[in-house]
Amino acid sequence: MFARHAKRSTVTTEDVKLLARRNNSLLKYITEKNEEIAQLNLKGKAKKKRKPEDESRS
């Protein structure tokens, strides 16, 4: 709905949050899960970046 309005074919987390904004408990849950996933992605990216450096040192 919001993605179509913005002329996008991909639904983002912000679109989902907009749909859930009137249900506070659902919005809180979605926001927390989004932050968890973002933290996991950052940790995963940091590990991937470090790995080649470790291999070059060996």
PDB file of N, CA and C in Angstrom:
ATOM      1  N   MET A   1       0.821  -1.178   0.000  1.00  0.00           N
ATOM      2  CA  MET A   1       0.000   0.000   0.000  1.00  0.00           C
ATOM      3  C   MET A   1       0.879   1.261   0.000  1.00  0.00           C
ATOM      4  N   PHE A   2       1.751   1.391   1.004  1.00  0.00           N
ATOM      5  CA  PHE A   2       2.627   2.560   1.060  1.00  0.00           C
ATOM      6  C   PHE A   2       3.730   2.453   0.022  1.00  0.00           C
ATOM      7  N   ALA A   3       4.193   1.233  -0.234  1.00  0.00           N
ATOM      8  CA  ALA A   3       5.228   1.045  -1.255  1.00  0.00           C
ATOM      9  C   ALA A   3       4.679   1.423  -2.627  1.00  0.00           C
ATOM     10  N   ARG A   4       3.457   1.028  -2.895  1.00  0.00           N
ATOM     11  CA  ARG A   4       2.843   1.370  -4.179  1.00  0.00           C
ATOM     12  C   ARG A   4       2.667   2.885  -4.302  1.00  0.00           C
ATOM     13  N   HIS A   5       2.265   3.517  -3.218  1.00  0.00           N
ATOM     14  CA  HIS A   5       2.095   4.973  -3.226  1.00  0.00           C
ATOM     15  C   HIS A   5       3.429   5.672  -3.526  1.00  0.00           C
ATOM     16  N   ALA A   6       4.504   5.095  -3.012  1.00  0.00           N
ATOM     17  CA  ALA A   6       5.833   5.665  -3.244  1.00  0.00           C
ATOM     18  C   ALA A   6       6.441   5.167  -4.551  1.00  0.00           C
ATOM     19  N   LYS A   7       5.655   4.417  -5.323  1.00  0.00           N
ATOM     20  CA  LYS A   7       6.090   3.869  -6.616  1.00  0.00           C
ATOM     21  C   LYS A   7       7.301   2.958  -6.470  1.00  0.00           C
ATOM     22  N   ARG A   8       7.254   2.121  -5.424  1.00  0.00           N
ATOM     23  CA  ARG A   8       8.299   1.121  -5.204  1.00  0.00           C
ATOM     24  C   ARG A   8       7.675  -0.259  -5.308  1.00  0.00           C
ATOM     25  N   SER A   9       8.474  -1.232  -5.695  1.00  0.00           N
ATOM     26  CA  SER A   9       7.964  -2.601  -5.764  1.00  0.00           C
ATOM     27  C   SER A   9       8.347  -3.398  -4.520  1.00  0.00           C
ATOM     28  N   THR A  10       9.199  -2.840  -3.683  1.00  0.00           N
ATOM     29  CA  THR A  10       9.658  -3.515  -2.477  1.00  0.00           C
ATOM     30  C   THR A  10       9.023  -2.879  -1.247  1.00  0.00           C
ATOM     31  N   VAL A  11       8.526  -3.726  -0.349  1.00  0.00           N
ATOM     32  CA  VAL A  11       7.960  -3.251   0.910  1.00  0.00           C
ATOM     33  C   VAL A  11       9.094  -3.177   1.925  1.00  0.00           C
ATOM     34  N   THR A  12       9.247  -2.047   2.575  1.00  0.00           N
ATOM     35  CA  THR A  12      10.309  -1.865   3.566  1.00  0.00           C
ATOM     36  C   THR A  12       9.745  -1.999   4.976  1.00  0.00           C
ATOM     37  N   THR A  13      10.641  -2.035   5.958  1.00  0.00           N
ATOM     38  CA  THR A  13      10.193  -2.102   7.346  1.00  0.00           C
ATOM     39  C   THR A  13       9.416  -0.853   7.728  1.00  0.00           C
ATOM     40  N   GLU A  14       9.772   0.265   7.140  1.00  0.00           N
ATOM     41  CA  GLU A  14       9.042   1.507   7.432  1.00  0.00           C
ATOM     42  C   GLU A  14       7.595   1.413   6.953  1.00  0.00           C
ATOM     43  N   ASP A  15       7.360   0.733   5.839  1.00  0.00           N
ATOM     44  CA  ASP A  15       5.990   0.530   5.358  1.00  0.00           C
ATOM     45  C   ASP A  15       5.192  -0.302   6.353  1.00  0.00           C
ATOM     46  N   VAL A  16       5.823  -1.333   6.891  1.00  0.00           N
ATOM     47  CA  VAL A  16       5.151  -2.199   7.865  1.00  0.00           C
ATOM     48  C   VAL A  16       4.854  -1.419   9.141  1.00  0.00           C
ATOM     49  N   LYS A  17       5.795  -0.603   9.573  1.00  0.00           N
ATOM     50  CA  LYS A  17       5.580   0.215  10.769  1.00  0.00           C
ATOM     51  C   LYS A  17       4.434   1.196  10.567  1.00  0.00           C
ATOM     52  N   LEU A  18       4.321   1.755   9.381  1.00  0.00           N
ATOM     53  CA  LEU A  18       3.215   2.670   9.105  1.00  0.00           C
ATOM     54  C   LEU A  18       1.874   1.957   9.214  1.00  0.00           C
ATOM     55  N   LEU A  19       1.812   0.716   8.743  1.00  0.00           N
ATOM     56  CA  LEU A  19       0.564  -0.035   8.840  1.00  0.00           C
ATOM     57  C   LEU A  19       0.220  -0.382  10.286  1.00  0.00           C
ATOM     58  N   ALA A  20       1.240  -0.599  11.109  1.00  0.00           N
ATOM     59  CA  ALA A  20       1.019  -1.032  12.489  1.00  0.00           C
ATOM     60  C   ALA A  20       0.978   0.126  13.480  1.00  0.00           C
ATOM     61  N   ARG A  21       1.042   1.345  13.015  1.00  0.00           N
ATOM     62  CA  ARG A  21       1.197   2.485  13.927  1.00  0.00           C
ATOM     63  C   ARG A  21       0.021   2.694  14.878  1.00  0.00           C
ATOM     64  N   ARG A  22      -1.138   2.204  14.554  1.00  0.00           N
ATOM     65  CA  ARG A  22      -2.293   2.402  15.450  1.00  0.00           C
ATOM     66  C   ARG A  22      -2.387   1.328  16.522  1.00  0.00           C
ATOM     67  N   ASN A  23      -1.627   0.251  16.352  1.00  0.00           N
ATOM     68  CA  ASN A  23      -1.593  -0.812  17.348  1.00  0.00           C
ATOM     69  C   ASN A  23      -0.245  -0.707  18.057  1.00  0.00           C
ATOM     70  N   ASN A  24      -0.238  -0.067  19.219  1.00  0.00           N
ATOM     71  CA  ASN A  24       1.018   0.240  19.908  1.00  0.00           C
ATOM     72  C   ASN A  24       1.833  -0.995  20.250  1.00  0.00           C
ATOM     73  N   SER A  25       1.186  -2.055  20.709  1.00  0.00           N
ATOM     74  CA  SER A  25       1.941  -3.253  21.079  1.00  0.00           C
ATOM     75  C   SER A  25       2.573  -3.906  19.850  1.00  0.00           C
ATOM     76  N   LEU A  26       1.848  -3.939  18.743  1.00  0.00           N
ATOM     77  CA  LEU A  26       2.396  -4.506  17.510  1.00  0.00           C
ATOM     78  C   LEU A  26       3.533  -3.639  16.976  1.00  0.00           C
ATOM     79  N   LEU A  27       3.366  -2.337  17.021  1.00  0.00           N
ATOM     80  CA  LEU A  27       4.413  -1.427  16.562  1.00  0.00           C
ATOM     81  C   LEU A  27       5.675  -1.589  17.407  1.00  0.00           C
ATOM     82  N   LYS A  28       5.502  -1.713  18.714  1.00  0.00           N
ATOM     83  CA  LYS A  28       6.644  -1.908  19.607  1.00  0.00           C
ATOM     84  C   LYS A  28       7.357  -3.214  19.280  1.00  0.00           C
ATOM     85  N   TYR A  29       6.603  -4.285  19.067  1.00  0.00           N
ATOM     86  CA  TYR A  29       7.182  -5.591  18.739  1.00  0.00           C
ATOM     87  C   TYR A  29       7.952  -5.528  17.420  1.00  0.00           C
ATOM     88  N   ILE A  30       7.358  -4.935  16.409  1.00  0.00           N
ATOM     89  CA  ILE A  30       8.005  -4.835  15.095  1.00  0.00           C
ATOM     90  C   ILE A  30       9.281  -4.001  15.195  1.00  0.00           C
ATOM     91  N   THR A  31       9.230  -2.921  15.935  1.00  0.00           N
ATOM     92  CA  THR A  31      10.403  -2.062  16.095  1.00  0.00           C
ATOM     93  C   THR A  31      11.532  -2.804  16.801  1.00  0.00           C
ATOM     94  N   GLU A  32      11.200  -3.546  17.861  1.00  0.00           N
ATOM     95  CA  GLU A  32      12.219  -4.302  18.590  1.00  0.00           C
ATOM     96  C   GLU A  32      12.853  -5.362  17.697  1.00  0.00           C
ATOM     97  N   LYS A  33      12.033  -6.087  16.953  1.00  0.00           N
ATOM     98  CA  LYS A  33      12.561  -7.126  16.063  1.00  0.00           C
ATOM     99  C   LYS A  33      13.425  -6.517  14.971  1.00  0.00           C
ATOM    100  N   ASN A  34      13.016  -5.383  14.457  1.00  0.00           N
ATOM    101  CA  ASN A  34      13.797  -4.705  13.424  1.00  0.00           C
ATOM    102  C   ASN A  34      15.172  -4.307  13.966  1.00  0.00           C
ATOM    103  N   GLU A  35      15.210  -3.810  15.195  1.00  0.00           N
ATOM    104  CA  GLU A  35      16.483  -3.427  15.802  1.00  0.00           C
ATOM    105  C   GLU A  35      17.362  -4.644  16.054  1.00  0.00           C
ATOM    106  N   GLU A  36      16.759  -5.764  16.489  1.00  0.00           N
ATOM    107  CA  GLU A  36      17.516  -7.001  16.694  1.00  0.00           C
ATOM    108  C   GLU A  36      18.160  -7.455  15.391  1.00  0.00           C
ATOM    109  N   ILE A  37      17.380  -7.464  14.332  1.00  0.00           N
ATOM    110  CA  ILE A  37      17.886  -7.906  13.031  1.00  0.00           C
ATOM    111  C   ILE A  37      18.992  -6.976  12.548  1.00  0.00           C
ATOM    112  N   ALA A  38      18.827  -5.694  12.761  1.00  0.00           N
ATOM    113  CA  ALA A  38      19.851  -4.732  12.345  1.00  0.00           C
ATOM    114  C   ALA A  38      21.158  -4.978  13.096  1.00  0.00           C
ATOM    115  N   GLN A  39      21.069  -5.263  14.390  1.00  0.00           N
ATOM    116  CA  GLN A  39      22.272  -5.545  15.174  1.00  0.00           C
ATOM    117  C   GLN A  39      22.954  -6.820  14.688  1.00  0.00           C
ATOM    118  N   LEU A  40      22.169  -7.861  14.395  1.00  0.00           N
ATOM    119  CA  LEU A  40      22.742  -9.108  13.889  1.00  0.00           C
ATOM    120  C   LEU A  40      23.418  -8.887  12.544  1.00  0.00           C
ATOM    121  N   ASN A  41      22.813  -8.089  11.695  1.00  0.00           N
ATOM    122  CA  ASN A  41      23.406  -7.793  10.390  1.00  0.00           C
ATOM    123  C   ASN A  41      24.724  -7.046  10.546  1.00  0.00           C
ATOM    124  N   LEU A  42      24.785  -6.112  11.483  1.00  0.00           N
ATOM    125  CA  LEU A  42      26.025  -5.366  11.704  1.00  0.00           C
ATOM    126  C   LEU A  42      27.127  -6.282  12.221  1.00  0.00           C
ATOM    127  N   LYS A  43      26.771  -7.188  13.130  1.00  0.00           N
ATOM    128  CA  LYS A  43      27.758  -8.126  13.661  1.00  0.00           C
ATOM    129  C   LYS A  43      28.246  -9.059  12.563  1.00  0.00           C
ATOM    130  N   GLY A  44      27.343  -9.519  11.727  1.00  0.00           N
ATOM    131  CA  GLY A  44      27.713 -10.407  10.630  1.00  0.00           C
ATOM    132  C   GLY A  44      28.610  -9.721   9.625  1.00  0.00           C
ATOM    133  N   LYS A  45      28.327  -8.480   9.326  1.00  0.00           N
ATOM    134  CA  LYS A  45      29.157  -7.724   8.381  1.00  0.00           C
ATOM    135  C   LYS A  45      30.534  -7.466   8.972  1.00  0.00           C
ATOM    136  N   ALA A  46      30.604  -7.201  10.268  1.00  0.00           N
ATOM    137  CA  ALA A  46      31.894  -6.955  10.913  1.00  0.00           C
ATOM    138  C   ALA A  46      32.751  -8.218  10.874  1.00  0.00           C
ATOM    139  N   LYS A  47      32.149  -9.370  11.095  1.00  0.00           N
ATOM    140  CA  LYS A  47      32.889 -10.628  11.045  1.00  0.00           C
ATOM    141  C   LYS A  47      33.392 -10.898   9.637  1.00  0.00           C
ATOM    142  N   LYS A  48      32.575 -10.633   8.638  1.00  0.00           N
ATOM    143  CA  LYS A  48      32.981 -10.864   7.258  1.00  0.00           C
ATOM    144  C   LYS A  48      34.144  -9.958   6.877  1.00  0.00           C
ATOM    145  N   LYS A  49      34.138  -8.740   7.355  1.00  0.00           N
ATOM    146  CA  LYS A  49      35.211  -7.804   7.025  1.00  0.00           C
ATOM    147  C   LYS A  49      36.508  -8.198   7.722  1.00  0.00           C
ATOM    148  N   ARG A  50      36.427  -8.715   8.926  1.00  0.00           N
ATOM    149  CA  ARG A  50      37.618  -9.090   9.677  1.00  0.00           C
ATOM    150  C   ARG A  50      38.255 -10.357   9.127  1.00  0.00           C
ATOM    151  N   LYS A  51      37.460 -11.264   8.633  1.00  0.00           N
ATOM    152  CA  LYS A  51      37.956 -12.563   8.212  1.00  0.00           C
ATOM    153  C   LYS A  51      39.052 -12.474   7.151  1.00  0.00           C
ATOM    154  N   PRO A  52      38.886 -11.712   6.074  1.00  0.00           N
ATOM    155  CA  PRO A  52      39.959 -11.622   5.081  1.00  0.00           C
ATOM    156  C   PRO A  52      41.254 -11.036   5.654  1.00  0.00           C
ATOM    157  N   GLU A  53      41.154 -10.118   6.586  1.00  0.00           N
ATOM    158  CA  GLU A  53      42.347  -9.548   7.200  1.00  0.00           C
ATOM    159  C   GLU A  53      43.098 -10.604   7.986  1.00  0.00           C
ATOM    160  N   ASP A  54      42.355 -11.465   8.717  1.00  0.00           N
ATOM    161  CA  ASP A  54      42.981 -12.526   9.487  1.00  0.00           C
ATOM    162  C   ASP A  54      43.680 -13.520   8.574  1.00  0.00           C
ATOM    163  N   GLU A  55      43.082 -13.835   7.428  1.00  0.00           N
ATOM    164  CA  GLU A  55      43.663 -14.787   6.497  1.00  0.00           C
ATOM    165  C   GLU A  55      44.937 -14.237   5.878  1.00  0.00           C
ATOM    166  N   SER A  56      44.989 -12.950   5.618  1.00  0.00           N
ATOM    167  CA  SER A  56      46.171 -12.356   4.993  1.00  0.00           C
ATOM    168  C   SER A  56      47.350 -12.304   5.965  1.00  0.00           C
ATOM    169  N   ARG A  57      47.074 -12.281   7.245  1.00  0.00           N
ATOM    170  CA  ARG A  57      48.135 -12.241   8.257  1.00  0.00           C
ATOM    171  C   ARG A  57      48.800 -13.597   8.433  1.00  0.00           C
ATOM    172  N   SER A  58      48.095 -14.662   8.141  1.00  0.00           N
ATOM    173  CA  SER A  58      48.623 -16.019   8.353  1.00  0.00           C
ATOM    174  C   SER A  58      49.733 -16.372   7.415  1.00  0.00           C
TER     175      SER A  58
END
